[in-house]
Amino acid sequence: MTTRRVAVIGGGVAGLSAAFAASAHGARTTLIESSKRVGMSKALMPLLISKGWAEDNLVLPEARALGKAGVDARTGETVTSIEPREGKIRVESSSRKGASAAFDSVVVCTGAASEAPQLRGLSKPNVFVLSEAADYLRLSGALDAFQTIGVSGPIPLALKLGEILTAKGKRVQIYCGTKGLERQFSGPVAAAIRRSVSSGESAERVMLLDSPIDSILGVARAEAIVSSGSVRTCDAVVVLPGSVPSFPVVDCQRGRGGGLLVDSSMVTTMPGVFAAGDSAEIRFKSGSVPARLFSTSRMGGEVAGTNAAGGRASASPSWSVEQTCFGLELCSAGLSEEEASAMGVDAATETDTATDRRLKGDGERDTFVSMVYDTGTHQVYGMQIAGWRASALSSAAALIVSLGLTVEQLLHSESPYSPGSSHEDSPIALTAGKIGKREGA
């Protein structure tokens, strides 16, 4: 039997997973990375602002095991085009122009390119557009000179960066955009975030603003931010750019967000060409969903690498994320109501709150659950959880979405809420019960 040749393009989270999986299934695997290093994690870049973090800390540990796993890793080479009908990819480097390499299948994991907003004043010396590790390091080295910093960018990353800067003693203005929190989170969860920001230890140093940055004012440096008609002084501005999928020239169908459209096997519309991570969009109902979360990238890369090597694997993504925001535990899985509706789901959202009754009188601790479901089938398509012990429910939320469970199946489910809690204390079961009463489930 002939050994399959698999080319993995891109050495991030998805690329590493794909390369290990392809090699483990017997393929002769080559990983091609355009930068000088394999395994750099963009998700860890905000930590470069923290004390003791350097660029070396961003390298995923498994990157050092590629050689042992039988993967030929080549850095400093850029794949410019993929020609699956000829079984070739075009590669360029500083020493080679227009060289080609043969393959049987290819996995595209080239990620996304930064897309900075068009803002007046963006080029001023104390304005930091955080696209690469070097940008974060430049900000870290300059922080001592600043006291008040404006932060703008995608939620929830802007919130996390604001939290890090606040912990370093800075006054932070976080520009969330018009209804920015409510676009990302359900109303009750957004309200819980606002309460956490306004009542925490750093409350006096944080300002959450429901407006975008319109322009940056100053003569030789940024001195103020204009936002929805208001002007606020600052010492520096930090902008987190958006991103757009990036990949070599290839004749494959794209999703609504510009990524390469893939099915559950992570194959594109071109046989032999797979995609994972930020480069991919997964077909879902009548639309597609970007695969841009760390967990989805890792899972998608593994499925793509397995199938590229001739195996059989299927992705069941939950689009799940877990984090803290100014001391508030947050986790989410699946789609928002707006996203689910765009996919053709007759979507609705229900929210309920569970209180750990054992703590009454000693500071009540609430857990908020928002559940997105189909009003016809009662299948759960999304979940957001915030508050007390929310992280304990993150795995349950991910499984519920990825397995396509219904509200009825959650009415009497086990809950990992906390030891000693009864079924009536489960935030997930309580929310499912509320839907059951409303929908007659």
Protein backbone atom coordinates (compact mmCIF):
# COMPACT_ATOMS: atom_id res chain seq x y z
CA MET A 1 0.00 0.00 0.00
CA THR A 2 1.39 3.42 -0.98
CA THR A 3 2.05 5.84 1.87
CA ARG A 4 -0.07 8.98 1.54
CA ARG A 5 1.68 12.34 1.35
CA VAL A 6 -0.03 15.02 3.45
CA ALA A 7 0.94 18.69 3.41
CA VAL A 8 -0.22 20.75 6.38
CA ILE A 9 -0.03 24.49 5.69
CA GLY A 10 0.29 26.56 8.86
CA GLY A 11 1.87 25.73 12.20
CA GLY A 12 -0.62 27.11 14.73
CA VAL A 13 -3.03 25.21 16.95
CA ALA A 14 -4.98 23.63 14.06
CA GLY A 15 -1.86 22.91 12.01
CA LEU A 16 -0.11 21.10 14.86
CA SER A 17 -3.19 18.98 15.56
CA ALA A 18 -3.54 18.13 11.88
CA ALA A 19 0.13 17.20 11.49
CA PHE A 20 0.19 14.93 14.54
CA ALA A 21 -3.04 13.23 13.47
CA ALA A 22 -1.93 12.67 9.87
CA SER A 23 1.43 11.25 10.95
CA ALA A 24 -0.23 9.01 13.57
CA HIS A 25 -2.40 7.54 10.80
CA GLY A 26 0.64 6.59 8.74
CA ALA A 27 0.94 9.52 6.34
CA ARG A 28 4.25 11.03 5.29
CA THR A 29 3.52 14.44 6.75
CA THR A 30 5.11 17.80 5.99
CA LEU A 31 4.18 20.92 7.93
CA ILE A 32 4.94 24.23 6.20
CA GLU A 33 5.00 27.44 8.26
CA SER A 34 5.62 30.89 6.77
CA SER A 35 7.16 32.39 9.94
CA LYS A 36 10.38 31.34 11.64
CA ARG A 37 8.65 29.41 14.43
CA VAL A 38 6.08 26.64 14.65
CA GLY A 39 3.48 26.48 17.40
CA MET A 40 2.94 30.15 18.26
CA SER A 41 -0.41 30.62 19.99
CA LYS A 42 -2.19 33.91 19.29
CA ALA A 43 -4.63 33.18 22.12
CA LEU A 44 -1.80 33.62 24.62
CA MET A 45 -0.53 36.95 23.26
CA PRO A 46 -2.41 39.17 25.78
CA LEU A 47 -0.37 37.51 28.54
CA LEU A 48 2.77 39.15 27.13
CA ILE A 49 1.65 42.24 29.02
CA SER A 50 1.93 40.27 32.28
CA LYS A 51 5.18 40.20 34.18
CA GLY A 52 7.55 37.38 33.31
CA TRP A 53 6.01 36.48 29.95
CA ALA A 54 8.18 36.40 26.82
CA GLU A 55 7.64 35.32 23.23
CA ASP A 56 9.03 31.86 24.00
CA ASN A 57 6.10 31.30 26.38
CA LEU A 58 3.69 31.49 23.43
CA VAL A 59 5.06 28.32 21.82
CA LEU A 60 2.75 25.36 22.40
CA PRO A 61 4.60 22.51 24.15
CA GLU A 62 3.68 19.91 21.52
CA ALA A 63 5.56 21.87 18.84
CA ARG A 64 8.81 20.48 20.21
CA ALA A 65 7.62 16.91 19.59
CA LEU A 66 6.99 17.20 15.84
CA GLY A 67 10.25 15.52 14.84
CA LYS A 68 9.70 12.65 17.25
CA ALA A 69 6.22 12.18 15.77
CA GLY A 70 7.71 11.85 12.29
CA VAL A 71 6.57 15.24 10.98
CA ASP A 72 8.92 17.17 8.69
CA ALA A 73 8.49 20.81 9.81
CA ARG A 74 9.67 23.49 7.37
CA THR A 75 9.69 27.13 8.46
CA GLY A 76 10.17 30.37 6.53
CA GLU A 77 8.27 29.02 3.53
CA THR A 78 4.99 30.40 2.17
CA VAL A 79 2.53 28.35 0.15
CA THR A 80 1.12 30.70 -2.49
CA SER A 81 -1.32 28.38 -4.24
CA ILE A 82 -2.82 24.90 -4.08
CA GLU A 83 -3.43 22.94 -7.28
CA PRO A 84 -5.23 19.75 -6.20
CA ARG A 85 -5.89 18.49 -9.73
CA GLU A 86 -2.13 18.40 -10.34
CA GLY A 87 -1.43 17.24 -6.77
CA LYS A 88 0.93 20.17 -6.18
CA ILE A 89 1.40 23.20 -3.99
CA ARG A 90 3.45 26.26 -4.96
CA VAL A 91 6.01 27.33 -2.35
CA GLU A 92 8.13 30.45 -2.02
CA SER A 93 10.91 31.32 0.42
CA SER A 94 13.86 33.68 0.56
CA SER A 95 15.94 31.13 -1.34
CA ARG A 96 13.30 29.61 -3.62
CA LYS A 97 10.75 31.30 -5.88
CA GLY A 98 7.86 29.39 -7.41
CA ALA A 99 9.03 25.91 -6.35
CA SER A 100 6.42 23.14 -6.26
CA ALA A 101 5.88 20.15 -3.98
CA ALA A 102 3.74 17.07 -4.57
CA PHE A 103 1.04 15.82 -2.21
CA ASP A 104 -1.96 13.48 -2.06
CA SER A 105 -3.97 15.70 0.26
CA VAL A 106 -3.47 19.04 1.95
CA VAL A 107 -4.78 20.63 5.15
CA VAL A 108 -5.08 24.45 5.15
CA CYS A 109 -4.48 25.92 8.61
CA THR A 110 -3.10 29.33 7.69
CA GLY A 111 -5.25 31.23 10.18
CA ALA A 112 -6.49 34.78 9.81
CA ALA A 113 -4.95 38.10 8.91
CA SER A 114 -5.41 41.17 11.10
CA GLU A 115 -7.73 43.87 9.82
CA ALA A 116 -7.23 47.17 11.65
CA PRO A 117 -10.13 49.68 11.65
CA GLN A 118 -9.87 52.88 9.64
CA LEU A 119 -9.44 55.43 12.43
CA ARG A 120 -8.07 58.94 12.33
CA GLY A 121 -5.03 59.13 14.63
CA LEU A 122 -4.20 55.43 14.45
CA SER A 123 -0.56 56.11 13.50
CA LYS A 124 0.31 58.19 16.58
CA PRO A 125 3.24 56.82 18.65
CA ASN A 126 1.21 56.01 21.77
CA VAL A 127 -1.49 54.14 19.83
CA PHE A 128 -0.91 50.38 19.88
CA VAL A 129 -2.53 48.13 17.26
CA LEU A 130 -2.02 44.62 18.64
CA SER A 131 -1.61 42.33 15.64
CA GLU A 132 1.56 40.39 16.49
CA ALA A 133 3.58 39.38 19.55
CA ALA A 134 5.97 42.27 18.93
CA ASP A 135 3.05 44.72 19.31
CA TYR A 136 2.15 43.34 22.74
CA LEU A 137 5.78 43.46 23.82
CA ARG A 138 6.05 47.09 22.70
CA LEU A 139 2.98 47.96 24.77
CA SER A 140 4.34 46.07 27.78
CA GLY A 141 7.60 48.01 27.61
CA ALA A 142 5.82 51.37 27.44
CA LEU A 143 3.15 50.85 30.14
CA ASP A 144 5.01 52.66 32.92
CA ALA A 145 4.49 55.94 31.09
CA PHE A 146 0.69 55.62 30.95
CA GLN A 147 -2.07 55.97 33.53
CA THR A 148 -5.27 56.15 31.46
CA ILE A 149 -5.63 53.78 28.51
CA GLY A 150 -8.47 53.43 26.01
CA VAL A 151 -9.13 49.90 24.74
CA SER A 152 -11.15 49.02 21.66
CA GLY A 153 -11.70 45.75 19.84
CA PRO A 154 -13.73 42.56 19.59
CA ILE A 155 -15.58 41.42 22.70
CA PRO A 156 -14.66 39.46 24.85
CA LEU A 157 -10.94 39.95 24.03
CA ALA A 158 -11.18 43.70 24.77
CA LEU A 159 -12.66 42.89 28.19
CA LYS A 160 -9.81 40.49 28.97
CA LEU A 161 -7.18 42.99 27.93
CA GLY A 162 -8.90 45.67 30.00
CA GLU A 163 -8.85 43.36 32.99
CA ILE A 164 -5.11 42.74 32.60
CA LEU A 165 -4.35 46.46 32.32
CA THR A 166 -6.54 47.26 35.32
CA ALA A 167 -4.72 44.65 37.39
CA LYS A 168 -1.51 46.54 36.57
CA GLY A 169 -2.98 49.66 38.19
CA LYS A 170 -4.09 51.48 35.03
CA ARG A 171 -7.31 53.41 34.50
CA VAL A 172 -9.05 51.78 31.56
CA GLN A 173 -11.79 52.94 29.21
CA ILE A 174 -13.21 49.91 27.36
CA TYR A 175 -15.08 50.89 24.19
CA CYS A 176 -17.46 48.00 23.52
CA GLY A 177 -19.13 49.48 20.44
CA THR A 178 -22.87 50.09 20.03
CA LYS A 179 -24.57 47.50 22.25
CA GLY A 180 -21.29 45.60 22.15
CA LEU A 181 -21.91 43.42 25.20
CA GLU A 182 -25.48 42.65 24.16
CA ARG A 183 -24.33 41.57 20.69
CA GLN A 184 -21.96 39.04 22.25
CA PHE A 185 -23.95 37.99 25.33
CA SER A 186 -27.60 37.57 26.31
CA GLY A 187 -29.15 40.43 28.27
CA PRO A 188 -28.89 38.83 31.76
CA VAL A 189 -25.30 37.67 31.17
CA ALA A 190 -24.30 41.11 29.87
CA ALA A 191 -25.92 42.64 32.96
CA ALA A 192 -23.94 40.26 35.19
CA ILE A 193 -20.72 41.40 33.49
CA ARG A 194 -21.59 45.04 34.06
CA ARG A 195 -22.31 44.38 37.74
CA SER A 196 -19.02 42.53 38.11
CA VAL A 197 -17.09 45.41 36.54
CA SER A 198 -18.84 48.09 38.61
CA SER A 199 -18.67 46.30 41.96
CA GLY A 200 -15.21 44.72 41.94
CA GLU A 201 -11.99 45.92 43.53
CA SER A 202 -11.02 47.72 40.32
CA ALA A 203 -14.43 49.39 39.79
CA GLU A 204 -13.07 52.94 40.21
CA ARG A 205 -10.47 52.33 37.49
CA VAL A 206 -12.72 50.80 34.80
CA MET A 207 -15.22 52.47 32.50
CA LEU A 208 -17.39 50.34 30.17
CA LEU A 209 -18.67 52.39 27.24
CA ASP A 210 -21.42 51.30 24.85
CA SER A 211 -19.94 53.16 21.91
CA PRO A 212 -17.10 52.79 19.38
CA ILE A 213 -13.98 54.91 19.06
CA ASP A 214 -14.69 57.40 16.28
CA SER A 215 -11.29 59.12 16.20
CA ILE A 216 -8.13 59.74 18.23
CA LEU A 217 -7.09 63.34 18.93
CA GLY A 218 -3.69 64.83 19.75
CA VAL A 219 -0.84 66.78 18.20
CA ALA A 220 2.32 64.67 18.48
CA ARG A 221 0.65 61.85 20.43
CA ALA A 222 -2.80 60.57 21.34
CA GLU A 223 -4.33 62.77 24.01
CA ALA A 224 -8.06 62.11 23.76
CA ILE A 225 -10.67 59.79 22.28
CA VAL A 226 -13.81 60.91 20.46
CA SER A 227 -16.71 58.52 20.87
CA SER A 228 -20.38 59.20 20.05
CA GLY A 229 -19.94 62.93 20.52
CA SER A 230 -18.01 62.68 23.80
CA VAL A 231 -14.32 63.47 24.25
CA ARG A 232 -12.31 61.66 26.95
CA THR A 233 -8.67 62.29 27.72
CA CYS A 234 -6.18 59.42 27.75
CA ASP A 235 -2.45 58.68 27.78
CA ALA A 236 -2.56 55.83 25.25
CA VAL A 237 -4.94 53.89 23.06
CA VAL A 238 -4.91 50.13 22.47
CA VAL A 239 -6.72 48.77 19.42
CA LEU A 240 -7.41 45.08 18.95
CA PRO A 241 -7.92 44.59 15.19
CA GLY A 242 -10.51 42.33 13.67
CA SER A 243 -9.47 39.43 11.47
CA VAL A 244 -10.28 37.87 8.12
CA PRO A 245 -9.53 34.29 7.04
CA SER A 246 -6.23 33.97 5.19
CA PHE A 247 -5.14 31.12 2.90
CA PRO A 248 -3.29 30.40 -0.37
CA VAL A 249 -4.99 30.69 -3.73
CA VAL A 250 -7.28 27.65 -4.02
CA ASP A 251 -10.46 26.97 -5.99
CA CYS A 252 -12.79 26.18 -3.08
CA GLN A 253 -16.16 27.56 -2.04
CA ARG A 254 -16.13 30.12 0.77
CA GLY A 255 -18.54 30.68 3.64
CA ARG A 256 -20.33 33.89 4.51
CA GLY A 257 -17.38 35.03 6.66
CA GLY A 258 -14.82 34.40 3.92
CA GLY A 259 -13.41 31.11 5.26
CA LEU A 260 -13.05 27.88 3.30
CA LEU A 261 -16.34 26.02 3.59
CA VAL A 262 -15.98 22.54 5.14
CA ASP A 263 -18.33 19.78 6.25
CA SER A 264 -18.08 17.65 9.39
CA SER A 265 -15.09 15.78 7.95
CA MET A 266 -13.33 19.15 7.47
CA VAL A 267 -13.05 18.62 3.70
CA THR A 268 -13.61 21.62 1.45
CA THR A 269 -15.60 21.65 -1.76
CA MET A 270 -12.40 20.49 -3.49
CA PRO A 271 -11.66 16.77 -2.86
CA GLY A 272 -8.30 16.23 -1.18
CA VAL A 273 -8.23 19.74 0.30
CA PHE A 274 -9.13 20.07 3.99
CA ALA A 275 -9.23 23.14 6.23
CA ALA A 276 -9.30 23.83 9.96
CA GLY A 277 -8.90 26.68 12.42
CA ASP A 278 -9.36 30.32 11.43
CA SER A 279 -9.15 29.40 7.72
CA ALA A 280 -12.31 27.30 7.88
CA GLU A 281 -16.06 27.72 8.20
CA ILE A 282 -18.13 24.71 9.16
CA ARG A 283 -21.42 24.07 7.37
CA PHE A 284 -24.30 24.35 9.82
CA LYS A 285 -27.97 24.07 8.84
CA SER A 286 -28.47 26.58 6.01
CA GLY A 287 -25.31 28.57 6.75
CA SER A 288 -21.80 28.27 8.16
CA VAL A 289 -20.00 29.12 11.38
CA PRO A 290 -16.35 30.26 11.67
CA ALA A 291 -14.08 27.77 13.47
CA ARG A 292 -12.03 30.39 15.32
CA LEU A 293 -11.97 29.17 18.90
CA PHE A 294 -8.95 27.37 20.35
CA SER A 295 -10.98 24.23 21.13
CA THR A 296 -12.62 24.15 17.70
CA SER A 297 -9.25 24.67 15.99
CA ARG A 298 -7.68 21.79 17.86
CA MET A 299 -10.62 19.46 17.23
CA GLY A 300 -10.96 20.48 13.58
CA GLY A 301 -7.24 20.06 12.94
CA GLU A 302 -7.25 16.56 14.35
CA VAL A 303 -10.26 15.53 12.24
CA ALA A 304 -8.80 17.12 9.10
CA GLY A 305 -5.39 15.47 9.59
CA THR A 306 -6.98 12.08 10.23
CA ASN A 307 -9.09 12.23 7.08
CA ALA A 308 -6.28 13.67 4.96
CA ALA A 309 -4.27 10.58 5.87
CA GLY A 310 -7.08 8.29 4.71
CA GLY A 311 -8.82 7.82 8.06
CA ARG A 312 -12.44 8.39 8.96
CA ALA A 313 -13.32 11.03 11.53
CA SER A 314 -16.14 13.49 12.03
CA ALA A 315 -16.20 16.82 13.83
CA SER A 316 -18.91 17.64 16.35
CA PRO A 317 -18.05 21.22 17.33
CA SER A 318 -19.55 23.00 20.30
CA TRP A 319 -17.85 26.40 19.74
CA SER A 320 -17.18 26.52 23.49
CA VAL A 321 -15.10 28.97 25.51
CA GLU A 322 -14.46 29.45 29.22
CA GLN A 323 -12.95 32.53 30.87
CA THR A 324 -13.15 34.97 33.76
CA CYS A 325 -14.08 38.63 33.34
CA PHE A 326 -13.24 40.94 36.24
CA GLY A 327 -13.74 38.06 38.66
CA LEU A 328 -16.93 36.77 37.00
CA GLU A 329 -16.83 33.21 35.68
CA LEU A 330 -18.15 32.89 32.13
CA CYS A 331 -18.60 30.01 29.74
CA SER A 332 -20.52 29.64 26.51
CA ALA A 333 -21.15 26.99 23.89
CA GLY A 334 -22.83 27.04 20.51
CA LEU A 335 -24.68 29.87 18.83
CA SER A 336 -26.39 33.06 19.90
CA GLU A 337 -30.07 33.50 19.02
CA GLU A 338 -29.07 35.83 16.18
CA GLU A 339 -26.59 33.29 14.76
CA ALA A 340 -29.05 30.40 15.09
CA SER A 341 -31.79 32.38 13.33
CA ALA A 342 -29.36 33.17 10.48
CA MET A 343 -28.86 29.40 10.07
CA GLY A 344 -32.58 28.81 9.58
CA VAL A 345 -33.38 27.78 13.16
CA ASP A 346 -36.68 29.01 14.64
CA ALA A 347 -34.68 30.24 17.61
CA ALA A 348 -35.68 31.64 20.99
CA THR A 349 -33.76 32.31 24.21
CA GLU A 350 -34.74 31.57 27.79
CA THR A 351 -32.84 32.60 30.91
CA ASP A 352 -33.08 31.49 34.53
CA THR A 353 -31.08 32.05 37.69
CA ALA A 354 -30.04 29.54 40.32
CA THR A 355 -28.97 30.65 43.79
CA ASP A 356 -26.85 28.52 46.09
CA ARG A 357 -29.29 28.60 48.99
CA ARG A 358 -26.70 27.39 51.49
CA LEU A 359 -24.97 30.76 51.13
CA LYS A 360 -28.05 32.91 51.82
CA GLY A 361 -27.39 35.46 54.50
CA ASP A 362 -23.69 35.10 53.86
CA GLY A 363 -23.66 36.71 50.43
CA GLU A 364 -25.93 35.11 47.82
CA ARG A 365 -24.19 33.70 44.79
CA ASP A 366 -26.19 33.45 41.60
CA THR A 367 -25.62 31.51 38.39
CA PHE A 368 -27.25 32.78 35.19
CA VAL A 369 -28.01 30.45 32.28
CA SER A 370 -29.27 31.62 28.88
CA MET A 371 -30.34 28.80 26.57
CA VAL A 372 -30.91 29.15 22.80
CA TYR A 373 -33.28 26.51 21.44
CA ASP A 374 -35.47 25.67 18.45
CA THR A 375 -39.12 26.37 19.30
CA GLY A 376 -40.23 23.49 17.07
CA THR A 377 -37.83 20.66 17.89
CA HIS A 378 -36.67 22.01 21.31
CA GLN A 379 -33.06 21.17 20.37
CA VAL A 380 -30.52 23.30 22.25
CA TYR A 381 -28.23 25.26 19.93
CA GLY A 382 -26.45 27.53 22.36
CA MET A 383 -25.84 28.27 26.02
CA GLN A 384 -24.24 31.07 28.02
CA ILE A 385 -23.50 30.70 31.72
CA ALA A 386 -22.22 33.38 34.09
CA GLY A 387 -21.67 33.67 37.80
CA TRP A 388 -21.02 31.36 40.73
CA ARG A 389 -19.25 28.14 39.61
CA ALA A 390 -20.07 28.73 35.94
CA SER A 391 -16.80 27.06 34.93
CA ALA A 392 -18.02 23.81 36.55
CA LEU A 393 -20.74 23.70 33.90
CA SER A 394 -18.58 24.44 30.85
CA SER A 395 -18.06 20.79 29.85
CA ALA A 396 -21.75 20.03 30.30
CA ALA A 397 -22.71 23.00 28.10
CA ALA A 398 -20.26 21.93 25.38
CA LEU A 399 -21.61 18.35 25.36
CA ILE A 400 -25.23 19.48 25.28
CA VAL A 401 -24.62 21.56 22.15
CA SER A 402 -22.30 19.13 20.37
CA LEU A 403 -24.65 16.16 20.98
CA GLY A 404 -27.71 18.12 19.89
CA LEU A 405 -29.69 17.42 23.07
CA THR A 406 -33.23 18.66 23.53
CA VAL A 407 -34.85 20.59 26.36
CA GLU A 408 -36.74 17.44 27.39
CA GLN A 409 -33.47 15.55 27.85
CA LEU A 410 -32.21 18.26 30.20
CA LEU A 411 -35.24 18.43 32.48
CA HIS A 412 -33.97 15.62 34.68
CA SER A 413 -30.27 15.54 33.87
CA GLU A 414 -27.47 15.18 36.37
CA SER A 415 -25.82 18.45 37.27
CA PRO A 416 -22.17 19.09 38.19
CA TYR A 417 -23.34 22.30 39.87
CA SER A 418 -21.68 21.58 43.24
CA PRO A 419 -21.43 18.74 45.76
CA GLY A 420 -24.46 18.61 47.99
CA SER A 421 -26.75 20.51 45.63
CA SER A 422 -30.12 19.04 44.76
CA HIS A 423 -31.54 18.70 41.25
CA GLU A 424 -33.64 21.81 41.90
CA ASP A 425 -30.42 23.82 42.24
CA SER A 426 -29.15 22.96 38.75
CA PRO A 427 -29.14 26.16 36.62
CA ILE A 428 -29.33 24.12 33.40
CA ALA A 429 -32.28 21.99 34.59
CA LEU A 430 -34.04 25.09 35.94
CA THR A 431 -33.74 26.86 32.59
CA ALA A 432 -34.89 23.75 30.70
CA GLY A 433 -37.86 23.55 33.08
CA LYS A 434 -38.76 27.15 32.38
CA ILE A 435 -38.72 26.44 28.64
CA GLY A 436 -40.79 23.29 29.24
CA LYS A 437 -43.52 25.27 30.95
CA ARG A 438 -43.55 27.88 28.21
CA GLU A 439 -43.37 25.49 25.26
CA GLY A 440 -45.30 22.59 26.75
CA ALA A 441 -42.23 20.35 26.56
